[in-house]
């Protein structure tokens, strides 16, 4: 389950970022996860809870924004959101090799409690 190694990396990064920002306690970690990222969100949530144990992030929530696949259609000259990984424009059927979104795995926000004791 590669989600555990991803969760461990997210916890490490979030702890580092919180410490650098002088944050007291992380309440929630927000991630953007693309449909083509290869990450199973439910497995990542479970792995995150395991990865947070005995760390400064223990008890933090993981908030995942699911990012759909989006492509740029060269014929329509427009961005199109796909429902499946079939890389064709859903409007005109043209093959659309130019991915715009869908492969993300990004830490976007840390929600913190500034009233808690600071990390050491």
PDB file of N, CA and C in Angstrom:
ATOM      1  N   UNK A   1       0.863  -1.178   0.000  1.00  0.00           N
ATOM      2  CA  UNK A   1       0.000   0.000   0.000  1.00  0.00           C
ATOM      3  C   UNK A   1       0.901   1.230   0.000  1.00  0.00           C
ATOM      4  N   UNK A   2       1.061   1.856  -1.166  1.00  0.00           N
ATOM      5  CA  UNK A   2       1.942   3.018  -1.257  1.00  0.00           C
ATOM      6  C   UNK A   2       1.337   4.253  -0.588  1.00  0.00           C
ATOM      7  N   UNK A   3       0.060   4.212  -0.260  1.00  0.00           N
ATOM      8  CA  UNK A   3      -0.558   5.351   0.430  1.00  0.00           C
ATOM      9  C   UNK A   3       0.088   5.600   1.788  1.00  0.00           C
ATOM     10  N   UNK A   4       0.599   4.552   2.449  1.00  0.00           N
ATOM     11  CA  UNK A   4       1.264   4.745   3.738  1.00  0.00           C
ATOM     12  C   UNK A   4       2.543   5.556   3.566  1.00  0.00           C
ATOM     13  N   UNK A   5       3.330   5.261   2.544  1.00  0.00           N
ATOM     14  CA  UNK A   5       4.548   6.052   2.338  1.00  0.00           C
ATOM     15  C   UNK A   5       4.208   7.490   1.966  1.00  0.00           C
ATOM     16  N   UNK A   6       3.129   7.686   1.222  1.00  0.00           N
ATOM     17  CA  UNK A   6       2.683   9.044   0.895  1.00  0.00           C
ATOM     18  C   UNK A   6       2.235   9.756   2.163  1.00  0.00           C
ATOM     19  N   UNK A   7       1.459   9.076   2.999  1.00  0.00           N
ATOM     20  CA  UNK A   7       0.983   9.668   4.252  1.00  0.00           C
ATOM     21  C   UNK A   7       2.152  10.049   5.156  1.00  0.00           C
ATOM     22  N   UNK A   8       3.159   9.192   5.234  1.00  0.00           N
ATOM     23  CA  UNK A   8       4.333   9.502   6.052  1.00  0.00           C
ATOM     24  C   UNK A   8       5.040  10.747   5.527  1.00  0.00           C
ATOM     25  N   UNK A   9       5.134  10.892   4.214  1.00  0.00           N
ATOM     26  CA  UNK A   9       5.747  12.082   3.613  1.00  0.00           C
ATOM     27  C   UNK A   9       4.914  13.327   3.883  1.00  0.00           C
ATOM     28  N   UNK A  10       3.591  13.201   3.808  1.00  0.00           N
ATOM     29  CA  UNK A  10       2.700  14.337   4.084  1.00  0.00           C
ATOM     30  C   UNK A  10       2.854  14.778   5.535  1.00  0.00           C
ATOM     31  N   UNK A  11       2.896  13.833   6.457  1.00  0.00           N
ATOM     32  CA  UNK A  11       3.057  14.165   7.884  1.00  0.00           C
ATOM     33  C   UNK A  11       4.396  14.858   8.112  1.00  0.00           C
ATOM     34  N   UNK A  12       5.447  14.352   7.490  1.00  0.00           N
ATOM     35  CA  UNK A  12       6.771  14.973   7.631  1.00  0.00           C
ATOM     36  C   UNK A  12       6.768  16.397   7.090  1.00  0.00           C
ATOM     37  N   UNK A  13       6.207  16.582   5.903  1.00  0.00           N
ATOM     38  CA  UNK A  13       6.154  17.908   5.287  1.00  0.00           C
ATOM     39  C   UNK A  13       5.300  18.867   6.104  1.00  0.00           C
ATOM     40  N   UNK A  14       4.134  18.415   6.549  1.00  0.00           N
ATOM     41  CA  UNK A  14       3.237  19.277   7.326  1.00  0.00           C
ATOM     42  C   UNK A  14       3.872  19.669   8.659  1.00  0.00           C
ATOM     43  N   UNK A  15       4.556  18.735   9.302  1.00  0.00           N
ATOM     44  CA  UNK A  15       5.233  19.032  10.565  1.00  0.00           C
ATOM     45  C   UNK A  15       6.313  20.078  10.347  1.00  0.00           C
ATOM     46  N   UNK A  16       7.083  19.910   9.291  1.00  0.00           N
ATOM     47  CA  UNK A  16       8.148  20.848   8.944  1.00  0.00           C
ATOM     48  C   UNK A  16       7.581  22.242   8.658  1.00  0.00           C
ATOM     49  N   UNK A  17       6.533  22.303   7.840  1.00  0.00           N
ATOM     50  CA  UNK A  17       5.925  23.588   7.481  1.00  0.00           C
ATOM     51  C   UNK A  17       5.329  24.285   8.705  1.00  0.00           C
ATOM     52  N   UNK A  18       4.669  23.527   9.564  1.00  0.00           N
ATOM     53  CA  UNK A  18       4.076  24.098  10.771  1.00  0.00           C
ATOM     54  C   UNK A  18       5.164  24.656  11.677  1.00  0.00           C
ATOM     55  N   UNK A  19       6.229  23.916  11.838  1.00  0.00           N
ATOM     56  CA  UNK A  19       7.338  24.355  12.687  1.00  0.00           C
ATOM     57  C   UNK A  19       7.955  25.637  12.129  1.00  0.00           C
ATOM     58  N   UNK A  20       8.207  25.672  10.821  1.00  0.00           N
ATOM     59  CA  UNK A  20       8.804  26.848  10.180  1.00  0.00           C
ATOM     60  C   UNK A  20       7.908  28.078  10.303  1.00  0.00           C
ATOM     61  N   UNK A  21       6.597  27.863  10.272  1.00  0.00           N
ATOM     62  CA  UNK A  21       5.648  28.977  10.365  1.00  0.00           C
ATOM     63  C   UNK A  21       5.378  29.393  11.808  1.00  0.00           C
ATOM     64  N   UNK A  22       5.926  28.648  12.758  1.00  0.00           N
ATOM     65  CA  UNK A  22       5.691  28.959  14.165  1.00  0.00           C
ATOM     66  C   UNK A  22       4.295  28.583  14.622  1.00  0.00           C
ATOM     67  N   UNK A  23       3.663  27.673  13.898  1.00  0.00           N
ATOM     68  CA  UNK A  23       2.308  27.245  14.253  1.00  0.00           C
ATOM     69  C   UNK A  23       2.352  26.408  15.520  1.00  0.00           C
ATOM     70  N   UNK A  24       1.286  26.487  16.271  1.00  0.00           N
ATOM     71  CA  UNK A  24       1.221  25.774  17.534  1.00  0.00           C
ATOM     72  C   UNK A  24       0.796  24.327  17.364  1.00  0.00           C
ATOM     73  N   UNK A  25      -0.304  24.125  16.679  1.00  0.00           N
ATOM     74  CA  UNK A  25      -0.825  22.768  16.500  1.00  0.00           C
ATOM     75  C   UNK A  25      -1.552  22.701  15.170  1.00  0.00           C
ATOM     76  N   UNK A  26      -1.382  21.601  14.440  1.00  0.00           N
ATOM     77  CA  UNK A  26      -2.075  21.416  13.164  1.00  0.00           C
ATOM     78  C   UNK A  26      -3.399  20.721  13.436  1.00  0.00           C
ATOM     79  N   UNK A  27      -4.482  21.389  13.060  1.00  0.00           N
ATOM     80  CA  UNK A  27      -5.829  20.835  13.209  1.00  0.00           C
ATOM     81  C   UNK A  27      -6.227  20.005  11.994  1.00  0.00           C
ATOM     82  N   UNK A  28      -5.807  20.470  10.804  1.00  0.00           N
ATOM     83  CA  UNK A  28      -6.181  19.769   9.572  1.00  0.00           C
ATOM     84  C   UNK A  28      -5.128  20.000   8.494  1.00  0.00           C
ATOM     85  N   UNK A  29      -4.974  18.991   7.650  1.00  0.00           N
ATOM     86  CA  UNK A  29      -4.085  19.049   6.501  1.00  0.00           C
ATOM     87  C   UNK A  29      -4.971  18.904   5.270  1.00  0.00           C
ATOM     88  N   UNK A  30      -4.864  19.856   4.351  1.00  0.00           N
ATOM     89  CA  UNK A  30      -5.658  19.826   3.122  1.00  0.00           C
ATOM     90  C   UNK A  30      -4.770  19.403   1.954  1.00  0.00           C
ATOM     91  N   UNK A  31      -5.248  18.417   1.204  1.00  0.00           N
ATOM     92  CA  UNK A  31      -4.539  17.941   0.027  1.00  0.00           C
ATOM     93  C   UNK A  31      -5.434  18.022  -1.194  1.00  0.00           C
ATOM     94  N   UNK A  32      -4.807  18.225  -2.348  1.00  0.00           N
ATOM     95  CA  UNK A  32      -5.488  18.083  -3.638  1.00  0.00           C
ATOM     96  C   UNK A  32      -4.967  16.792  -4.245  1.00  0.00           C
ATOM     97  N   UNK A  33      -5.893  15.888  -4.587  1.00  0.00           N
ATOM     98  CA  UNK A  33      -5.524  14.586  -5.133  1.00  0.00           C
ATOM     99  C   UNK A  33      -6.198  14.404  -6.486  1.00  0.00           C
ATOM    100  N   UNK A  34      -5.399  14.308  -7.531  1.00  0.00           N
ATOM    101  CA  UNK A  34      -5.914  14.144  -8.878  1.00  0.00           C
ATOM    102  C   UNK A  34      -6.387  12.724  -9.152  1.00  0.00           C
ATOM    103  N   UNK A  35      -7.367  12.617 -10.025  1.00  0.00           N
ATOM    104  CA  UNK A  35      -7.948  11.320 -10.378  1.00  0.00           C
ATOM    105  C   UNK A  35      -6.918  10.385 -11.019  1.00  0.00           C
ATOM    106  N   UNK A  36      -5.881  10.935 -11.639  1.00  0.00           N
ATOM    107  CA  UNK A  36      -4.833  10.125 -12.268  1.00  0.00           C
ATOM    108  C   UNK A  36      -3.567  10.040 -11.422  1.00  0.00           C
ATOM    109  N   UNK A  37      -3.637  10.450 -10.170  1.00  0.00           N
ATOM    110  CA  UNK A  37      -2.445  10.452  -9.306  1.00  0.00           C
ATOM    111  C   UNK A  37      -2.040   9.060  -8.855  1.00  0.00           C
ATOM    112  N   UNK A  38      -2.942   8.109  -8.968  1.00  0.00           N
ATOM    113  CA  UNK A  38      -2.653   6.766  -8.501  1.00  0.00           C
ATOM    114  C   UNK A  38      -2.884   6.581  -7.014  1.00  0.00           C
ATOM    115  N   UNK A  39      -3.477   7.583  -6.378  1.00  0.00           N
ATOM    116  CA  UNK A  39      -3.734   7.540  -4.939  1.00  0.00           C
ATOM    117  C   UNK A  39      -5.200   7.224  -4.694  1.00  0.00           C
ATOM    118  N   UNK A  40      -5.456   6.266  -3.810  1.00  0.00           N
ATOM    119  CA  UNK A  40      -6.819   5.930  -3.399  1.00  0.00           C
ATOM    120  C   UNK A  40      -7.107   6.745  -2.135  1.00  0.00           C
ATOM    121  N   UNK A  41      -8.029   7.688  -2.240  1.00  0.00           N
ATOM    122  CA  UNK A  41      -8.282   8.632  -1.144  1.00  0.00           C
ATOM    123  C   UNK A  41      -8.650   7.953   0.165  1.00  0.00           C
ATOM    124  N   UNK A  42      -9.507   6.938   0.131  1.00  0.00           N
ATOM    125  CA  UNK A  42      -9.884   6.253   1.369  1.00  0.00           C
ATOM    126  C   UNK A  42      -8.685   5.570   2.012  1.00  0.00           C
ATOM    127  N   UNK A  43      -7.841   4.961   1.208  1.00  0.00           N
ATOM    128  CA  UNK A  43      -6.633   4.323   1.737  1.00  0.00           C
ATOM    129  C   UNK A  43      -5.682   5.371   2.309  1.00  0.00           C
ATOM    130  N   UNK A  44      -5.599   6.535   1.659  1.00  0.00           N
ATOM    131  CA  UNK A  44      -4.737   7.606   2.160  1.00  0.00           C
ATOM    132  C   UNK A  44      -5.249   8.142   3.490  1.00  0.00           C
ATOM    133  N   UNK A  45      -6.565   8.281   3.636  1.00  0.00           N
ATOM    134  CA  UNK A  45      -7.134   8.734   4.915  1.00  0.00           C
ATOM    135  C   UNK A  45      -6.771   7.772   6.045  1.00  0.00           C
ATOM    136  N   UNK A  46      -6.920   6.470   5.794  1.00  0.00           N
ATOM    137  CA  UNK A  46      -6.581   5.468   6.797  1.00  0.00           C
ATOM    138  C   UNK A  46      -5.087   5.536   7.123  1.00  0.00           C
ATOM    139  N   UNK A  47      -4.256   5.589   6.081  1.00  0.00           N
ATOM    140  CA  UNK A  47      -2.807   5.631   6.280  1.00  0.00           C
ATOM    141  C   UNK A  47      -2.387   6.905   7.007  1.00  0.00           C
ATOM    142  N   UNK A  48      -3.065   8.016   6.745  1.00  0.00           N
ATOM    143  CA  UNK A  48      -2.746   9.276   7.413  1.00  0.00           C
ATOM    144  C   UNK A  48      -2.962   9.153   8.913  1.00  0.00           C
ATOM    145  N   UNK A  49      -4.071   8.557   9.314  1.00  0.00           N
ATOM    146  CA  UNK A  49      -4.332   8.359  10.747  1.00  0.00           C
ATOM    147  C   UNK A  49      -3.226   7.530  11.388  1.00  0.00           C
ATOM    148  N   UNK A  50      -2.767   6.500  10.706  1.00  0.00           N
ATOM    149  CA  UNK A  50      -1.681   5.658  11.211  1.00  0.00           C
ATOM    150  C   UNK A  50      -0.377   6.450  11.254  1.00  0.00           C
ATOM    151  N   UNK A  51      -0.086   7.193  10.195  1.00  0.00           N
ATOM    152  CA  UNK A  51       1.171   7.947  10.106  1.00  0.00           C
ATOM    153  C   UNK A  51       1.267   9.070  11.144  1.00  0.00           C
ATOM    154  N   UNK A  52       0.136   9.585  11.568  1.00  0.00           N
ATOM    155  CA  UNK A  52       0.124  10.693  12.531  1.00  0.00           C
ATOM    156  C   UNK A  52       0.368  10.261  13.973  1.00  0.00           C
ATOM    157  N   UNK A  53       0.166   8.985  14.256  1.00  0.00           N
ATOM    158  CA  UNK A  53       0.337   8.500  15.630  1.00  0.00           C
ATOM    159  C   UNK A  53       1.723   8.857  16.149  1.00  0.00           C
ATOM    160  N   UNK A  54       1.757   9.328  17.391  1.00  0.00           N
ATOM    161  CA  UNK A  54       3.021   9.666  18.061  1.00  0.00           C
ATOM    162  C   UNK A  54       3.822  10.734  17.320  1.00  0.00           C
ATOM    163  N   UNK A  55       3.128  11.620  16.604  1.00  0.00           N
ATOM    164  CA  UNK A  55       3.784  12.755  15.944  1.00  0.00           C
ATOM    165  C   UNK A  55       3.063  14.026  16.391  1.00  0.00           C
ATOM    166  N   UNK A  56       3.640  15.182  16.092  1.00  0.00           N
ATOM    167  CA  UNK A  56       2.950  16.438  16.424  1.00  0.00           C
ATOM    168  C   UNK A  56       1.602  16.605  15.703  1.00  0.00           C
ATOM    169  N   UNK A  57       1.336  15.804  14.675  1.00  0.00           N
ATOM    170  CA  UNK A  57       0.071  15.903  13.943  1.00  0.00           C
ATOM    171  C   UNK A  57      -0.998  14.952  14.464  1.00  0.00           C
ATOM    172  N   UNK A  58      -0.708  14.230  15.533  1.00  0.00           N
ATOM    173  CA  UNK A  58      -1.686  13.273  16.076  1.00  0.00           C
ATOM    174  C   UNK A  58      -3.022  13.976  16.296  1.00  0.00           C
ATOM    175  N   UNK A  59      -4.080  13.394  15.773  1.00  0.00           N
ATOM    176  CA  UNK A  59      -5.420  13.963  15.910  1.00  0.00           C
ATOM    177  C   UNK A  59      -5.813  14.926  14.801  1.00  0.00           C
ATOM    178  N   UNK A  60      -4.883  15.272  13.915  1.00  0.00           N
ATOM    179  CA  UNK A  60      -5.208  16.187  12.810  1.00  0.00           C
ATOM    180  C   UNK A  60      -6.107  15.480  11.801  1.00  0.00           C
ATOM    181  N   UNK A  61      -6.982  16.262  11.165  1.00  0.00           N
ATOM    182  CA  UNK A  61      -7.867  15.736  10.121  1.00  0.00           C
ATOM    183  C   UNK A  61      -7.180  15.852   8.771  1.00  0.00           C
ATOM    184  N   UNK A  62      -7.497  14.931   7.884  1.00  0.00           N
ATOM    185  CA  UNK A  62      -7.033  15.007   6.504  1.00  0.00           C
ATOM    186  C   UNK A  62      -8.229  15.368   5.641  1.00  0.00           C
ATOM    187  N   UNK A  63      -8.136  16.501   4.952  1.00  0.00           N
ATOM    188  CA  UNK A  63      -9.202  16.970   4.067  1.00  0.00           C
ATOM    189  C   UNK A  63      -8.690  16.830   2.633  1.00  0.00           C
ATOM    190  N   UNK A  64      -9.393  16.018   1.853  1.00  0.00           N
ATOM    191  CA  UNK A  64      -8.948  15.750   0.481  1.00  0.00           C
ATOM    192  C   UNK A  64      -9.903  16.382  -0.520  1.00  0.00           C
ATOM    193  N   UNK A  65      -9.337  17.187  -1.402  1.00  0.00           N
ATOM    194  CA  UNK A  65     -10.091  17.735  -2.535  1.00  0.00           C
ATOM    195  C   UNK A  65      -9.791  16.842  -3.737  1.00  0.00           C
ATOM    196  N   UNK A  66     -10.808  16.185  -4.242  1.00  0.00           N
ATOM    197  CA  UNK A  66     -10.659  15.320  -5.406  1.00  0.00           C
ATOM    198  C   UNK A  66     -10.610  16.203  -6.659  1.00  0.00           C
ATOM    199  N   UNK A  67      -9.551  16.060  -7.451  1.00  0.00           N
ATOM    200  CA  UNK A  67      -9.381  16.862  -8.655  1.00  0.00           C
ATOM    201  C   UNK A  67      -9.693  15.991  -9.874  1.00  0.00           C
ATOM    202  N   UNK A  68     -10.713  16.365 -10.650  1.00  0.00           N
ATOM    203  CA  UNK A  68     -11.064  15.562 -11.826  1.00  0.00           C
ATOM    204  C   UNK A  68     -10.026  15.728 -12.939  1.00  0.00           C
ATOM    205  N   UNK A  69     -10.107  14.844 -13.907  1.00  0.00           N
ATOM    206  CA  UNK A  69      -9.238  14.932 -15.079  1.00  0.00           C
ATOM    207  C   UNK A  69      -9.749  16.066 -15.958  1.00  0.00           C
ATOM    208  N   UNK A  70      -8.848  16.939 -16.361  1.00  0.00           N
ATOM    209  CA  UNK A  70      -9.199  18.013 -17.296  1.00  0.00           C
ATOM    210  C   UNK A  70      -8.161  18.030 -18.411  1.00  0.00           C
ATOM    211  N   UNK A  71      -8.628  18.227 -19.618  1.00  0.00           N
ATOM    212  CA  UNK A  71      -7.762  18.269 -20.796  1.00  0.00           C
ATOM    213  C   UNK A  71      -8.069  19.527 -21.595  1.00  0.00           C
ATOM    214  N   UNK A  72      -7.140  19.861 -22.477  1.00  0.00           N
ATOM    215  CA  UNK A  72      -7.395  20.955 -23.411  1.00  0.00           C
ATOM    216  C   UNK A  72      -7.663  20.332 -24.765  1.00  0.00           C
ATOM    217  N   UNK A  73      -8.837  20.623 -25.328  1.00  0.00           N
ATOM    218  CA  UNK A  73      -9.209  20.091 -26.645  1.00  0.00           C
ATOM    219  C   UNK A  73      -8.662  21.030 -27.725  1.00  0.00           C
ATOM    220  N   UNK A  74      -7.802  20.496 -28.616  1.00  0.00           N
ATOM    221  CA  UNK A  74      -7.239  21.354 -29.661  1.00  0.00           C
ATOM    222  C   UNK A  74      -8.259  21.777 -30.716  1.00  0.00           C
ATOM    223  N   UNK A  75      -9.299  20.982 -30.903  1.00  0.00           N
ATOM    224  CA  UNK A  75     -10.311  21.327 -31.902  1.00  0.00           C
ATOM    225  C   UNK A  75     -11.280  22.385 -31.363  1.00  0.00           C
ATOM    226  N   UNK A  76     -11.800  22.169 -30.147  1.00  0.00           N
ATOM    227  CA  UNK A  76     -12.736  23.125 -29.535  1.00  0.00           C
ATOM    228  C   UNK A  76     -12.018  24.359 -29.000  1.00  0.00           C
ATOM    229  N   UNK A  77     -10.694  24.220 -28.808  1.00  0.00           N
ATOM    230  CA  UNK A  77      -9.879  25.291 -28.211  1.00  0.00           C
ATOM    231  C   UNK A  77     -10.415  25.643 -26.815  1.00  0.00           C
ATOM    232  N   UNK A  78     -10.748  24.590 -26.043  1.00  0.00           N
ATOM    233  CA  UNK A  78     -11.327  24.800 -24.713  1.00  0.00           C
ATOM    234  C   UNK A  78     -10.874  23.689 -23.758  1.00  0.00           C
ATOM    235  N   UNK A  79     -10.885  24.029 -22.483  1.00  0.00           N
ATOM    236  CA  UNK A  79     -10.603  23.045 -21.449  1.00  0.00           C
ATOM    237  C   UNK A  79     -11.867  22.227 -21.205  1.00  0.00           C
ATOM    238  N   UNK A  80     -11.696  20.916 -21.087  1.00  0.00           N
ATOM    239  CA  UNK A  80     -12.830  20.013 -20.867  1.00  0.00           C
ATOM    240  C   UNK A  80     -12.535  19.089 -19.689  1.00  0.00           C
ATOM    241  N   UNK A  81     -13.529  18.889 -18.844  1.00  0.00           N
ATOM    242  CA  UNK A  81     -13.415  17.947 -17.730  1.00  0.00           C
ATOM    243  C   UNK A  81     -13.920  16.596 -18.190  1.00  0.00           C
ATOM    244  N   UNK A  82     -13.148  15.559 -17.885  1.00  0.00           N
ATOM    245  CA  UNK A  82     -13.502  14.203 -18.289  1.00  0.00           C
ATOM    246  C   UNK A  82     -14.077  13.430 -17.116  1.00  0.00           C
ATOM    247  N   UNK A  83     -14.974  12.520 -17.419  1.00  0.00           N
ATOM    248  CA  UNK A  83     -15.546  11.646 -16.376  1.00  0.00           C
ATOM    249  C   UNK A  83     -14.764  10.351 -16.257  1.00  0.00           C
ATOM    250  N   UNK A  84     -13.999  10.014 -17.273  1.00  0.00           N
ATOM    251  CA  UNK A  84     -13.197   8.790 -17.278  1.00  0.00           C
ATOM    252  C   UNK A  84     -11.830   9.128 -17.875  1.00  0.00           C
ATOM    253  N   UNK A  85     -10.908   8.198 -17.770  1.00  0.00           N
ATOM    254  CA  UNK A  85      -9.542   8.437 -18.241  1.00  0.00           C
ATOM    255  C   UNK A  85      -9.394   8.256 -19.748  1.00  0.00           C
ATOM    256  N   UNK A  86     -10.476   8.268 -20.466  1.00  0.00           N
ATOM    257  CA  UNK A  86     -10.440   8.203 -21.933  1.00  0.00           C
ATOM    258  C   UNK A  86     -10.126   9.612 -22.434  1.00  0.00           C
ATOM    259  N   UNK A  87      -8.920   9.818 -22.941  1.00  0.00           N
ATOM    260  CA  UNK A  87      -8.458  11.156 -23.278  1.00  0.00           C
ATOM    261  C   UNK A  87      -8.979  11.627 -24.632  1.00  0.00           C
ATOM    262  N   UNK A  88     -10.278  11.833 -24.668  1.00  0.00           N
ATOM    263  CA  UNK A  88     -10.967  12.392 -25.834  1.00  0.00           C
ATOM    264  C   UNK A  88     -11.896  13.487 -25.339  1.00  0.00           C
ATOM    265  N   UNK A  89     -12.043  14.524 -26.135  1.00  0.00           N
ATOM    266  CA  UNK A  89     -12.953  15.611 -25.783  1.00  0.00           C
ATOM    267  C   UNK A  89     -14.368  15.052 -25.650  1.00  0.00           C
ATOM    268  N   UNK A  90     -15.037  15.323 -24.532  1.00  0.00           N
ATOM    269  CA  UNK A  90     -16.391  14.812 -24.362  1.00  0.00           C
ATOM    270  C   UNK A  90     -17.417  15.523 -25.245  1.00  0.00           C
ATOM    271  N   UNK A  91     -17.029  16.635 -25.870  1.00  0.00           N
ATOM    272  CA  UNK A  91     -17.951  17.391 -26.723  1.00  0.00           C
ATOM    273  C   UNK A  91     -17.819  16.977 -28.190  1.00  0.00           C
ATOM    274  N   UNK A  92     -16.575  16.983 -28.700  1.00  0.00           N
ATOM    275  CA  UNK A  92     -16.391  16.710 -30.141  1.00  0.00           C
ATOM    276  C   UNK A  92     -15.731  15.365 -30.433  1.00  0.00           C
ATOM    277  N   UNK A  93     -15.193  14.683 -29.414  1.00  0.00           N
ATOM    278  CA  UNK A  93     -14.580  13.374 -29.605  1.00  0.00           C
ATOM    279  C   UNK A  93     -13.131  13.391 -30.060  1.00  0.00           C
ATOM    280  N   UNK A  94     -12.533  14.566 -30.208  1.00  0.00           N
ATOM    281  CA  UNK A  94     -11.146  14.677 -30.645  1.00  0.00           C
ATOM    282  C   UNK A  94     -10.200  14.138 -29.574  1.00  0.00           C
ATOM    283  N   UNK A  95      -9.172  13.353 -29.967  1.00  0.00           N
ATOM    284  CA  UNK A  95      -8.165  12.937 -28.987  1.00  0.00           C
ATOM    285  C   UNK A  95      -7.527  14.171 -28.340  1.00  0.00           C
ATOM    286  N   UNK A  96      -7.350  14.105 -27.025  1.00  0.00           N
ATOM    287  CA  UNK A  96      -6.876  15.275 -26.277  1.00  0.00           C
ATOM    288  C   UNK A  96      -5.701  14.885 -25.383  1.00  0.00           C
ATOM    289  N   UNK A  97      -4.504  14.890 -25.936  1.00  0.00           N
ATOM    290  CA  UNK A  97      -3.346  14.455 -25.163  1.00  0.00           C
ATOM    291  C   UNK A  97      -2.847  15.475 -24.134  1.00  0.00           C
ATOM    292  N   UNK A  98      -3.332  16.703 -24.187  1.00  0.00           N
ATOM    293  CA  UNK A  98      -2.831  17.747 -23.289  1.00  0.00           C
ATOM    294  C   UNK A  98      -3.605  17.765 -21.968  1.00  0.00           C
ATOM    295  N   UNK A  99      -3.020  17.133 -20.939  1.00  0.00           N
ATOM    296  CA  UNK A  99      -3.629  17.147 -19.602  1.00  0.00           C
ATOM    297  C   UNK A  99      -3.462  18.510 -18.964  1.00  0.00           C
ATOM    298  N   UNK A 100      -4.526  19.027 -18.374  1.00  0.00           N
ATOM    299  CA  UNK A 100      -4.488  20.293 -17.656  1.00  0.00           C
ATOM    300  C   UNK A 100      -4.486  20.031 -16.153  1.00  0.00           C
ATOM    301  N   UNK A 101      -5.300  19.069 -15.713  1.00  0.00           N
ATOM    302  CA  UNK A 101      -5.399  18.693 -14.295  1.00  0.00           C
ATOM    303  C   UNK A 101      -5.682  17.207 -14.185  1.00  0.00           C
ATOM    304  N   UNK A 102      -5.391  16.685 -13.002  1.00  0.00           N
ATOM    305  CA  UNK A 102      -5.750  15.305 -12.732  1.00  0.00           C
ATOM    306  C   UNK A 102      -4.629  14.456 -12.176  1.00  0.00           C
ATOM    307  N   UNK A 103      -3.403  14.975 -12.192  1.00  0.00           N
ATOM    308  CA  UNK A 103      -2.273  14.203 -11.677  1.00  0.00           C
ATOM    309  C   UNK A 103      -1.743  14.761 -10.348  1.00  0.00           C
ATOM    310  N   UNK A 104      -2.443  15.764  -9.800  1.00  0.00           N
ATOM    311  CA  UNK A 104      -1.952  16.448  -8.607  1.00  0.00           C
ATOM    312  C   UNK A 104      -1.883  15.553  -7.369  1.00  0.00           C
ATOM    313  N   UNK A 105      -0.929  15.861  -6.537  1.00  0.00           N
ATOM    314  CA  UNK A 105      -0.871  15.390  -5.159  1.00  0.00           C
ATOM    315  C   UNK A 105      -0.159  16.514  -4.425  1.00  0.00           C
ATOM    316  N   UNK A 106      -0.962  17.469  -3.908  1.00  0.00           N
ATOM    317  CA  UNK A 106      -0.418  18.702  -3.359  1.00  0.00           C
ATOM    318  C   UNK A 106      -0.953  18.980  -1.961  1.00  0.00           C
ATOM    319  N   UNK A 107      -0.053  19.369  -1.081  1.00  0.00           N
ATOM    320  CA  UNK A 107      -0.466  19.889   0.212  1.00  0.00           C
ATOM    321  C   UNK A 107      -0.803  21.361  -0.024  1.00  0.00           C
ATOM    322  N   UNK A 108      -2.042  21.756   0.254  1.00  0.00           N
ATOM    323  CA  UNK A 108      -2.458  23.119  -0.070  1.00  0.00           C
ATOM    324  C   UNK A 108      -2.636  24.016   1.153  1.00  0.00           C
ATOM    325  N   UNK A 109      -3.131  23.457   2.264  1.00  0.00           N
ATOM    326  CA  UNK A 109      -3.437  24.283   3.439  1.00  0.00           C
ATOM    327  C   UNK A 109      -3.162  23.491   4.709  1.00  0.00           C
ATOM    328  N   UNK A 110      -2.654  24.187   5.718  1.00  0.00           N
ATOM    329  CA  UNK A 110      -2.581  23.640   7.074  1.00  0.00           C
ATOM    330  C   UNK A 110      -3.477  24.504   7.943  1.00  0.00           C
ATOM    331  N   UNK A 111      -4.461  23.895   8.580  1.00  0.00           N
ATOM    332  CA  UNK A 111      -5.270  24.607   9.571  1.00  0.00           C
ATOM    333  C   UNK A 111      -4.575  24.419  10.907  1.00  0.00           C
ATOM    334  N   UNK A 112      -4.326  25.530  11.611  1.00  0.00           N
ATOM    335  CA  UNK A 112      -3.577  25.452  12.858  1.00  0.00           C
ATOM    336  C   UNK A 112      -4.337  26.094  14.007  1.00  0.00           C
ATOM    337  N   UNK A 113      -3.984  25.686  15.215  1.00  0.00           N
ATOM    338  CA  UNK A 113      -4.518  26.276  16.447  1.00  0.00           C
ATOM    339  C   UNK A 113      -3.375  27.054  17.063  1.00  0.00           C
ATOM    340  N   UNK A 114      -3.456  28.377  17.043  1.00  0.00           N
ATOM    341  CA  UNK A 114      -2.379  29.210  17.559  1.00  0.00           C
ATOM    342  C   UNK A 114      -2.375  29.309  19.085  1.00  0.00           C
ATOM    343  N   UNK A 115      -3.381  28.747  19.736  1.00  0.00           N
ATOM    344  CA  UNK A 115      -3.444  28.816  21.191  1.00  0.00           C
ATOM    345  C   UNK A 115      -2.802  27.612  21.875  1.00  0.00           C
ATOM    346  N   UNK A 116      -2.416  26.609  21.102  1.00  0.00           N
ATOM    347  CA  UNK A 116      -1.794  25.415  21.665  1.00  0.00           C
ATOM    348  C   UNK A 116      -0.304  25.669  21.876  1.00  0.00           C
ATOM    349  N   UNK A 117       0.370  24.871  22.736  1.00  0.00           N
ATOM    350  CA  UNK A 117       1.814  25.024  22.912  1.00  0.00           C
ATOM    351  C   UNK A 117       2.532  24.780  21.594  1.00  0.00           C
ATOM    352  N   UNK A 118       3.597  25.500  21.360  1.00  0.00           N
ATOM    353  CA  UNK A 118       4.345  25.417  20.099  1.00  0.00           C
ATOM    354  C   UNK A 118       5.084  24.084  19.981  1.00  0.00           C
ATOM    355  N   UNK A 119       5.342  23.661  18.715  1.00  0.00           N
ATOM    356  CA  UNK A 119       6.146  22.469  18.438  1.00  0.00           C
ATOM    357  C   UNK A 119       7.557  22.719  18.920  1.00  0.00           C
ATOM    358  N   UNK A 120       8.242  21.686  19.224  1.00  0.00           N
ATOM    359  CA  UNK A 120       9.659  21.789  19.606  1.00  0.00           C
ATOM    360  C   UNK A 120      10.498  20.993  18.664  1.00  0.00           C
TER     361      UNK A 120
END
